[in-house]
Amino acid sequence: MKEVAFANALAIVSDAVSLVCALLVWTARDFVLGIASGWVHGMDLAALPVATPTLSGVLVGLVTLTVAAWAVGYSFAWTYNRLAK
């Protein structure tokens, strides 16, 4: 497995999911809260304070997610390659 290719792919897919999520939070907050509540085993996420995402917040999140996803992807592929020998 090519470490850099895997890391790039994970970063790109993570960014796409993040952008879709941000768009859904802006346009369909109740829908997103309904899905997310199922992911956290029925916790009432609607009870949490609500903040509207800002463009700068989304961009900072996207940059940090890209770096984190790339690092995790590279580490995963590197570890996989060592264990597969």
PDB file of N, CA and C in Angstrom:
ATOM      1  N   MET A   1       0.857  -1.165   0.000  1.00  0.00           N
ATOM      2  CA  MET A   1       0.000   0.000   0.000  1.00  0.00           C
ATOM      3  C   MET A   1       0.907   1.233   0.000  1.00  0.00           C
ATOM      4  N   LYS A   2       0.591   2.171  -0.844  1.00  0.00           N
ATOM      5  CA  LYS A   2       1.379   3.407  -0.913  1.00  0.00           C
ATOM      6  C   LYS A   2       0.899   4.377   0.160  1.00  0.00           C
ATOM      7  N   GLU A   3       1.793   4.697   1.092  1.00  0.00           N
ATOM      8  CA  GLU A   3       1.422   5.520   2.238  1.00  0.00           C
ATOM      9  C   GLU A   3       0.866   6.882   1.834  1.00  0.00           C
ATOM     10  N   VAL A   4       1.572   7.573   0.948  1.00  0.00           N
ATOM     11  CA  VAL A   4       1.163   8.926   0.575  1.00  0.00           C
ATOM     12  C   VAL A   4      -0.170   8.905  -0.179  1.00  0.00           C
ATOM     13  N   ALA A   5      -0.352   7.954  -1.077  1.00  0.00           N
ATOM     14  CA  ALA A   5      -1.613   7.859  -1.826  1.00  0.00           C
ATOM     15  C   ALA A   5      -2.778   7.590  -0.878  1.00  0.00           C
ATOM     16  N   PHE A   6      -2.578   6.682   0.075  1.00  0.00           N
ATOM     17  CA  PHE A   6      -3.634   6.378   1.040  1.00  0.00           C
ATOM     18  C   PHE A   6      -3.943   7.606   1.890  1.00  0.00           C
ATOM     19  N   ALA A   7      -2.908   8.292   2.364  1.00  0.00           N
ATOM     20  CA  ALA A   7      -3.094   9.487   3.188  1.00  0.00           C
ATOM     21  C   ALA A   7      -3.815  10.576   2.403  1.00  0.00           C
ATOM     22  N   ASN A   8      -3.438  10.779   1.146  1.00  0.00           N
ATOM     23  CA  ASN A   8      -4.109  11.779   0.309  1.00  0.00           C
ATOM     24  C   ASN A   8      -5.583  11.430   0.123  1.00  0.00           C
ATOM     25  N   ALA A   9      -5.868  10.162  -0.138  1.00  0.00           N
ATOM     26  CA  ALA A   9      -7.252   9.734  -0.346  1.00  0.00           C
ATOM     27  C   ALA A   9      -8.081   9.957   0.907  1.00  0.00           C
ATOM     28  N   LEU A  10      -7.549   9.594   2.065  1.00  0.00           N
ATOM     29  CA  LEU A  10      -8.287   9.774   3.310  1.00  0.00           C
ATOM     30  C   LEU A  10      -8.537  11.258   3.583  1.00  0.00           C
ATOM     31  N   ALA A  11      -7.553  12.098   3.337  1.00  0.00           N
ATOM     32  CA  ALA A  11      -7.716  13.538   3.555  1.00  0.00           C
ATOM     33  C   ALA A  11      -8.788  14.104   2.624  1.00  0.00           C
ATOM     34  N   ILE A  12      -8.786  13.708   1.362  1.00  0.00           N
ATOM     35  CA  ILE A  12      -9.764  14.216   0.399  1.00  0.00           C
ATOM     36  C   ILE A  12     -11.175  13.775   0.769  1.00  0.00           C
ATOM     37  N   VAL A  13     -11.342  12.499   1.092  1.00  0.00           N
ATOM     38  CA  VAL A  13     -12.669  11.995   1.452  1.00  0.00           C
ATOM     39  C   VAL A  13     -13.154  12.651   2.752  1.00  0.00           C
ATOM     40  N   SER A  14     -12.274  12.812   3.717  1.00  0.00           N
ATOM     41  CA  SER A  14     -12.640  13.467   4.979  1.00  0.00           C
ATOM     42  C   SER A  14     -13.094  14.901   4.737  1.00  0.00           C
ATOM     43  N   ASP A  15     -12.389  15.607   3.872  1.00  0.00           N
ATOM     44  CA  ASP A  15     -12.765  16.989   3.552  1.00  0.00           C
ATOM     45  C   ASP A  15     -14.126  17.052   2.878  1.00  0.00           C
ATOM     46  N   ALA A  16     -14.381  16.134   1.960  1.00  0.00           N
ATOM     47  CA  ALA A  16     -15.669  16.118   1.267  1.00  0.00           C
ATOM     48  C   ALA A  16     -16.809  15.872   2.255  1.00  0.00           C
ATOM     49  N   VAL A  17     -16.623  14.924   3.150  1.00  0.00           N
ATOM     50  CA  VAL A  17     -17.651  14.636   4.160  1.00  0.00           C
ATOM     51  C   VAL A  17     -17.854  15.853   5.063  1.00  0.00           C
ATOM     52  N   SER A  18     -16.775  16.507   5.446  1.00  0.00           N
ATOM     53  CA  SER A  18     -16.869  17.681   6.306  1.00  0.00           C
ATOM     54  C   SER A  18     -17.626  18.813   5.618  1.00  0.00           C
ATOM     55  N   LEU A  19     -17.356  19.041   4.344  1.00  0.00           N
ATOM     56  CA  LEU A  19     -18.044  20.104   3.614  1.00  0.00           C
ATOM     57  C   LEU A  19     -19.537  19.798   3.452  1.00  0.00           C
ATOM     58  N   VAL A  20     -19.878  18.547   3.173  1.00  0.00           N
ATOM     59  CA  VAL A  20     -21.282  18.155   3.076  1.00  0.00           C
ATOM     60  C   VAL A  20     -21.963  18.342   4.432  1.00  0.00           C
ATOM     61  N   CYS A  21     -21.295  17.959   5.498  1.00  0.00           N
ATOM     62  CA  CYS A  21     -21.842  18.115   6.840  1.00  0.00           C
ATOM     63  C   CYS A  21     -22.088  19.598   7.153  1.00  0.00           C
ATOM     64  N   ALA A  22     -21.117  20.458   6.860  1.00  0.00           N
ATOM     65  CA  ALA A  22     -21.280  21.897   7.107  1.00  0.00           C
ATOM     66  C   ALA A  22     -22.459  22.449   6.322  1.00  0.00           C
ATOM     67  N   LEU A  23     -22.580  22.058   5.071  1.00  0.00           N
ATOM     68  CA  LEU A  23     -23.694  22.512   4.241  1.00  0.00           C
ATOM     69  C   LEU A  23     -25.036  22.060   4.824  1.00  0.00           C
ATOM     70  N   LEU A  24     -25.093  20.807   5.290  1.00  0.00           N
ATOM     71  CA  LEU A  24     -26.325  20.306   5.890  1.00  0.00           C
ATOM     72  C   LEU A  24     -26.654  21.014   7.198  1.00  0.00           C
ATOM     73  N   VAL A  25     -25.644  21.344   7.995  1.00  0.00           N
ATOM     74  CA  VAL A  25     -25.897  22.073   9.246  1.00  0.00           C
ATOM     75  C   VAL A  25     -26.467  23.455   8.935  1.00  0.00           C
ATOM     76  N   TRP A  26     -25.959  24.091   7.874  1.00  0.00           N
ATOM     77  CA  TRP A  26     -26.476  25.406   7.485  1.00  0.00           C
ATOM     78  C   TRP A  26     -27.899  25.321   6.954  1.00  0.00           C
ATOM     79  N   THR A  27     -28.223  24.249   6.235  1.00  0.00           N
ATOM     80  CA  THR A  27     -29.504  24.193   5.522  1.00  0.00           C
ATOM     81  C   THR A  27     -30.545  23.267   6.153  1.00  0.00           C
ATOM     82  N   ALA A  28     -30.121  22.288   6.929  1.00  0.00           N
ATOM     83  CA  ALA A  28     -31.064  21.307   7.469  1.00  0.00           C
ATOM     84  C   ALA A  28     -30.620  20.836   8.853  1.00  0.00           C
ATOM     85  N   ARG A  29     -30.533  21.780   9.767  1.00  0.00           N
ATOM     86  CA  ARG A  29     -30.007  21.499  11.111  1.00  0.00           C
ATOM     87  C   ARG A  29     -30.767  20.371  11.809  1.00  0.00           C
ATOM     88  N   ASP A  30     -32.093  20.375  11.732  1.00  0.00           N
ATOM     89  CA  ASP A  30     -32.876  19.333  12.412  1.00  0.00           C
ATOM     90  C   ASP A  30     -32.578  17.944  11.837  1.00  0.00           C
ATOM     91  N   PHE A  31     -32.397  17.874  10.538  1.00  0.00           N
ATOM     92  CA  PHE A  31     -32.047  16.604   9.886  1.00  0.00           C
ATOM     93  C   PHE A  31     -30.716  16.086  10.417  1.00  0.00           C
ATOM     94  N   VAL A  32     -29.721  16.971  10.485  1.00  0.00           N
ATOM     95  CA  VAL A  32     -28.388  16.587  10.971  1.00  0.00           C
ATOM     96  C   VAL A  32     -28.458  16.155  12.436  1.00  0.00           C
ATOM     97  N   LEU A  33     -29.199  16.900  13.248  1.00  0.00           N
ATOM     98  CA  LEU A  33     -29.330  16.531  14.660  1.00  0.00           C
ATOM     99  C   LEU A  33     -30.007  15.175  14.819  1.00  0.00           C
ATOM    100  N   GLY A  34     -30.980  14.885  13.972  1.00  0.00           N
ATOM    101  CA  GLY A  34     -31.643  13.587  14.024  1.00  0.00           C
ATOM    102  C   GLY A  34     -30.690  12.445  13.710  1.00  0.00           C
ATOM    103  N   ILE A  35     -29.867  12.624  12.682  1.00  0.00           N
ATOM    104  CA  ILE A  35     -28.888  11.591  12.322  1.00  0.00           C
ATOM    105  C   ILE A  35     -27.834  11.456  13.423  1.00  0.00           C
ATOM    106  N   ALA A  36     -27.297  12.574  13.868  1.00  0.00           N
ATOM    107  CA  ALA A  36     -26.244  12.544  14.878  1.00  0.00           C
ATOM    108  C   ALA A  36     -26.741  11.945  16.189  1.00  0.00           C
ATOM    109  N   SER A  37     -27.998  12.184  16.538  1.00  0.00           N
ATOM    110  CA  SER A  37     -28.549  11.597  17.765  1.00  0.00           C
ATOM    111  C   SER A  37     -28.533  10.080  17.687  1.00  0.00           C
ATOM    112  N   GLY A  38     -28.792   9.526  16.525  1.00  0.00           N
ATOM    113  CA  GLY A  38     -28.722   8.080  16.343  1.00  0.00           C
ATOM    114  C   GLY A  38     -27.309   7.549  16.495  1.00  0.00           C
ATOM    115  N   TRP A  39     -26.345   8.344  16.087  1.00  0.00           N
ATOM    116  CA  TRP A  39     -24.938   7.931  16.183  1.00  0.00           C
ATOM    117  C   TRP A  39     -24.440   7.934  17.620  1.00  0.00           C
ATOM    118  N   VAL A  40     -25.046   8.757  18.463  1.00  0.00           N
ATOM    119  CA  VAL A  40     -24.616   8.811  19.870  1.00  0.00           C
ATOM    120  C   VAL A  40     -25.658   8.144  20.760  1.00  0.00           C
ATOM    121  N   HIS A  41     -26.318   7.145  20.222  1.00  0.00           N
ATOM    122  CA  HIS A  41     -27.219   6.267  20.959  1.00  0.00           C
ATOM    123  C   HIS A  41     -28.357   7.005  21.645  1.00  0.00           C
ATOM    124  N   GLY A  42     -28.951   7.942  20.902  1.00  0.00           N
ATOM    125  CA  GLY A  42     -30.166   8.594  21.377  1.00  0.00           C
ATOM    126  C   GLY A  42     -29.979   9.770  22.310  1.00  0.00           C
ATOM    127  N   MET A  43     -28.758  10.234  22.535  1.00  0.00           N
ATOM    128  CA  MET A  43     -28.586  11.435  23.356  1.00  0.00           C
ATOM    129  C   MET A  43     -29.343  12.588  22.706  1.00  0.00           C
ATOM    130  N   ASP A  44     -29.887  13.456  23.505  1.00  0.00           N
ATOM    131  CA  ASP A  44     -30.657  14.585  22.991  1.00  0.00           C
ATOM    132  C   ASP A  44     -29.710  15.720  22.637  1.00  0.00           C
ATOM    133  N   LEU A  45     -29.213  15.696  21.417  1.00  0.00           N
ATOM    134  CA  LEU A  45     -28.286  16.741  20.985  1.00  0.00           C
ATOM    135  C   LEU A  45     -28.984  18.082  20.800  1.00  0.00           C
ATOM    136  N   ALA A  46     -30.309  18.054  20.633  1.00  0.00           N
ATOM    137  CA  ALA A  46     -31.051  19.301  20.478  1.00  0.00           C
ATOM    138  C   ALA A  46     -31.000  20.137  21.754  1.00  0.00           C
ATOM    139  N   ALA A  47     -30.697  19.520  22.887  1.00  0.00           N
ATOM    140  CA  ALA A  47     -30.612  20.241  24.152  1.00  0.00           C
ATOM    141  C   ALA A  47     -29.322  21.054  24.272  1.00  0.00           C
ATOM    142  N   LEU A  48     -28.362  20.788  23.406  1.00  0.00           N
ATOM    143  CA  LEU A  48     -27.097  21.518  23.439  1.00  0.00           C
ATOM    144  C   LEU A  48     -27.273  22.917  22.853  1.00  0.00           C
ATOM    145  N   PRO A  49     -26.435  23.869  23.270  1.00  0.00           N
ATOM    146  CA  PRO A  49     -26.523  25.211  22.678  1.00  0.00           C
ATOM    147  C   PRO A  49     -26.260  25.137  21.169  1.00  0.00           C
ATOM    148  N   VAL A  50     -26.972  25.969  20.426  1.00  0.00           N
ATOM    149  CA  VAL A  50     -26.862  25.968  18.974  1.00  0.00           C
ATOM    150  C   VAL A  50     -26.062  27.182  18.516  1.00  0.00           C
ATOM    151  N   ALA A  51     -25.090  26.947  17.666  1.00  0.00           N
ATOM    152  CA  ALA A  51     -24.320  28.030  17.067  1.00  0.00           C
ATOM    153  C   ALA A  51     -24.310  27.823  15.559  1.00  0.00           C
ATOM    154  N   THR A  52     -24.471  28.883  14.823  1.00  0.00           N
ATOM    155  CA  THR A  52     -24.421  28.800  13.369  1.00  0.00           C
ATOM    156  C   THR A  52     -22.969  28.756  12.937  1.00  0.00           C
ATOM    157  N   PRO A  53     -22.616  27.793  12.089  1.00  0.00           N
ATOM    158  CA  PRO A  53     -21.232  27.720  11.623  1.00  0.00           C
ATOM    159  C   PRO A  53     -20.843  28.983  10.856  1.00  0.00           C
ATOM    160  N   THR A  54     -19.612  29.405  11.033  1.00  0.00           N
ATOM    161  CA  THR A  54     -19.086  30.546  10.281  1.00  0.00           C
ATOM    162  C   THR A  54     -18.145  30.024   9.200  1.00  0.00           C
ATOM    163  N   LEU A  55     -17.939  30.808   8.178  1.00  0.00           N
ATOM    164  CA  LEU A  55     -17.037  30.419   7.105  1.00  0.00           C
ATOM    165  C   LEU A  55     -15.626  30.217   7.644  1.00  0.00           C
ATOM    166  N   SER A  56     -15.181  31.114   8.522  1.00  0.00           N
ATOM    167  CA  SER A  56     -13.821  30.966   9.064  1.00  0.00           C
ATOM    168  C   SER A  56     -13.721  29.716   9.930  1.00  0.00           C
ATOM    169  N   GLY A  57     -14.757  29.409  10.697  1.00  0.00           N
ATOM    170  CA  GLY A  57     -14.755  28.204  11.514  1.00  0.00           C
ATOM    171  C   GLY A  57     -14.703  26.946  10.668  1.00  0.00           C
ATOM    172  N   VAL A  58     -15.478  26.939   9.587  1.00  0.00           N
ATOM    173  CA  VAL A  58     -15.479  25.787   8.685  1.00  0.00           C
ATOM    174  C   VAL A  58     -14.109  25.629   8.025  1.00  0.00           C
ATOM    175  N   LEU A  59     -13.498  26.729   7.612  1.00  0.00           N
ATOM    176  CA  LEU A  59     -12.181  26.654   6.970  1.00  0.00           C
ATOM    177  C   LEU A  59     -11.098  26.175   7.934  1.00  0.00           C
ATOM    178  N   VAL A  60     -11.116  26.674   9.159  1.00  0.00           N
ATOM    179  CA  VAL A  60     -10.151  26.205  10.165  1.00  0.00           C
ATOM    180  C   VAL A  60     -10.359  24.722  10.431  1.00  0.00           C
ATOM    181  N   GLY A  61     -11.614  24.307  10.566  1.00  0.00           N
ATOM    182  CA  GLY A  61     -11.914  22.896  10.770  1.00  0.00           C
ATOM    183  C   GLY A  61     -11.446  22.049   9.596  1.00  0.00           C
ATOM    184  N   LEU A  62     -11.627  22.565   8.384  1.00  0.00           N
ATOM    185  CA  LEU A  62     -11.220  21.832   7.189  1.00  0.00           C
ATOM    186  C   LEU A  62      -9.702  21.668   7.130  1.00  0.00           C
ATOM    187  N   VAL A  63      -8.981  22.716   7.446  1.00  0.00           N
ATOM    188  CA  VAL A  63      -7.512  22.632   7.421  1.00  0.00           C
ATOM    189  C   VAL A  63      -7.010  21.651   8.474  1.00  0.00           C
ATOM    190  N   THR A  64      -7.527  21.758   9.693  1.00  0.00           N
ATOM    191  CA  THR A  64      -7.058  20.858  10.750  1.00  0.00           C
ATOM    192  C   THR A  64      -7.492  19.421  10.496  1.00  0.00           C
ATOM    193  N   LEU A  65      -8.686  19.236   9.928  1.00  0.00           N
ATOM    194  CA  LEU A  65      -9.135  17.886   9.575  1.00  0.00           C
ATOM    195  C   LEU A  65      -8.248  17.288   8.483  1.00  0.00           C
ATOM    196  N   THR A  66      -7.867  18.096   7.511  1.00  0.00           N
ATOM    197  CA  THR A  66      -6.995  17.621   6.434  1.00  0.00           C
ATOM    198  C   THR A  66      -5.675  17.115   6.997  1.00  0.00           C
ATOM    199  N   VAL A  67      -5.069  17.901   7.869  1.00  0.00           N
ATOM    200  CA  VAL A  67      -3.792  17.515   8.468  1.00  0.00           C
ATOM    201  C   VAL A  67      -3.950  16.249   9.304  1.00  0.00           C
ATOM    202  N   ALA A  68      -4.986  16.197  10.129  1.00  0.00           N
ATOM    203  CA  ALA A  68      -5.197  15.029  10.986  1.00  0.00           C
ATOM    204  C   ALA A  68      -5.496  13.781  10.162  1.00  0.00           C
ATOM    205  N   ALA A  69      -6.370  13.903   9.170  1.00  0.00           N
ATOM    206  CA  ALA A  69      -6.716  12.745   8.342  1.00  0.00           C
ATOM    207  C   ALA A  69      -5.498  12.250   7.569  1.00  0.00           C
ATOM    208  N   TRP A  70      -4.697  13.167   7.058  1.00  0.00           N
ATOM    209  CA  TRP A  70      -3.504  12.772   6.314  1.00  0.00           C
ATOM    210  C   TRP A  70      -2.534  12.021   7.228  1.00  0.00           C
ATOM    211  N   ALA A  71      -2.323  12.549   8.429  1.00  0.00           N
ATOM    212  CA  ALA A  71      -1.404  11.904   9.374  1.00  0.00           C
ATOM    213  C   ALA A  71      -1.909  10.517   9.776  1.00  0.00           C
ATOM    214  N   VAL A  72      -3.200  10.398  10.037  1.00  0.00           N
ATOM    215  CA  VAL A  72      -3.772   9.096  10.396  1.00  0.00           C
ATOM    216  C   VAL A  72      -3.675   8.136   9.211  1.00  0.00           C
ATOM    217  N   GLY A  73      -3.993   8.613   8.015  1.00  0.00           N
ATOM    218  CA  GLY A  73      -3.915   7.768   6.824  1.00  0.00           C
ATOM    219  C   GLY A  73      -2.511   7.271   6.567  1.00  0.00           C
ATOM    220  N   TYR A  74      -1.541   8.158   6.684  1.00  0.00           N
ATOM    221  CA  TYR A  74      -0.149   7.767   6.469  1.00  0.00           C
ATOM    222  C   TYR A  74       0.286   6.756   7.528  1.00  0.00           C
ATOM    223  N   SER A  75      -0.057   7.047   8.782  1.00  0.00           N
ATOM    224  CA  SER A  75       0.320   6.140   9.877  1.00  0.00           C
ATOM    225  C   SER A  75      -0.327   4.767   9.707  1.00  0.00           C
ATOM    226  N   PHE A  76      -1.582   4.744   9.292  1.00  0.00           N
ATOM    227  CA  PHE A  76      -2.276   3.482   9.074  1.00  0.00           C
ATOM    228  C   PHE A  76      -1.598   2.680   7.969  1.00  0.00           C
ATOM    229  N   ALA A  77      -1.338   3.319   6.829  1.00  0.00           N
ATOM    230  CA  ALA A  77      -0.726   2.616   5.699  1.00  0.00           C
ATOM    231  C   ALA A  77       0.684   2.147   6.049  1.00  0.00           C
ATOM    232  N   TRP A  78       1.442   2.979   6.752  1.00  0.00           N
ATOM    233  CA  TRP A  78       2.803   2.604   7.149  1.00  0.00           C
ATOM    234  C   TRP A  78       2.760   1.377   8.070  1.00  0.00           C
ATOM    235  N   THR A  79       1.862   1.423   9.054  1.00  0.00           N
ATOM    236  CA  THR A  79       1.732   0.300   9.988  1.00  0.00           C
ATOM    237  C   THR A  79       1.269  -0.962   9.259  1.00  0.00           C
ATOM    238  N   TYR A  80       0.290  -0.807   8.389  1.00  0.00           N
ATOM    239  CA  TYR A  80      -0.201  -1.946   7.614  1.00  0.00           C
ATOM    240  C   TYR A  80       0.938  -2.590   6.819  1.00  0.00           C
ATOM    241  N   ASN A  81       1.725  -1.772   6.155  1.00  0.00           N
ATOM    242  CA  ASN A  81       2.835  -2.297   5.349  1.00  0.00           C
ATOM    243  C   ASN A  81       3.857  -3.044   6.211  1.00  0.00           C
ATOM    244  N   ARG A  82       4.110  -2.560   7.408  1.00  0.00           N
ATOM    245  CA  ARG A  82       5.055  -3.253   8.293  1.00  0.00           C
ATOM    246  C   ARG A  82       4.480  -4.576   8.773  1.00  0.00           C
ATOM    247  N   LEU A  83       3.203  -4.609   9.078  1.00  0.00           N
ATOM    248  CA  LEU A  83       2.578  -5.839   9.578  1.00  0.00           C
ATOM    249  C   LEU A  83       2.335  -6.855   8.465  1.00  0.00           C
ATOM    250  N   ALA A  84       2.209  -6.395   7.236  1.00  0.00           N
ATOM    251  CA  ALA A  84       1.918  -7.294   6.110  1.00  0.00           C
ATOM    252  C   ALA A  84       3.148  -8.042   5.622  1.00  0.00           C
ATOM    253  N   LYS A  85       4.318  -7.687   6.112  1.00  0.00           N
ATOM    254  CA  LYS A  85       5.571  -8.333   5.658  1.00  0.00           C
ATOM    255  C   LYS A  85       5.719  -9.710   6.271  1.00  0.00           C
TER     256      LYS A  85
END
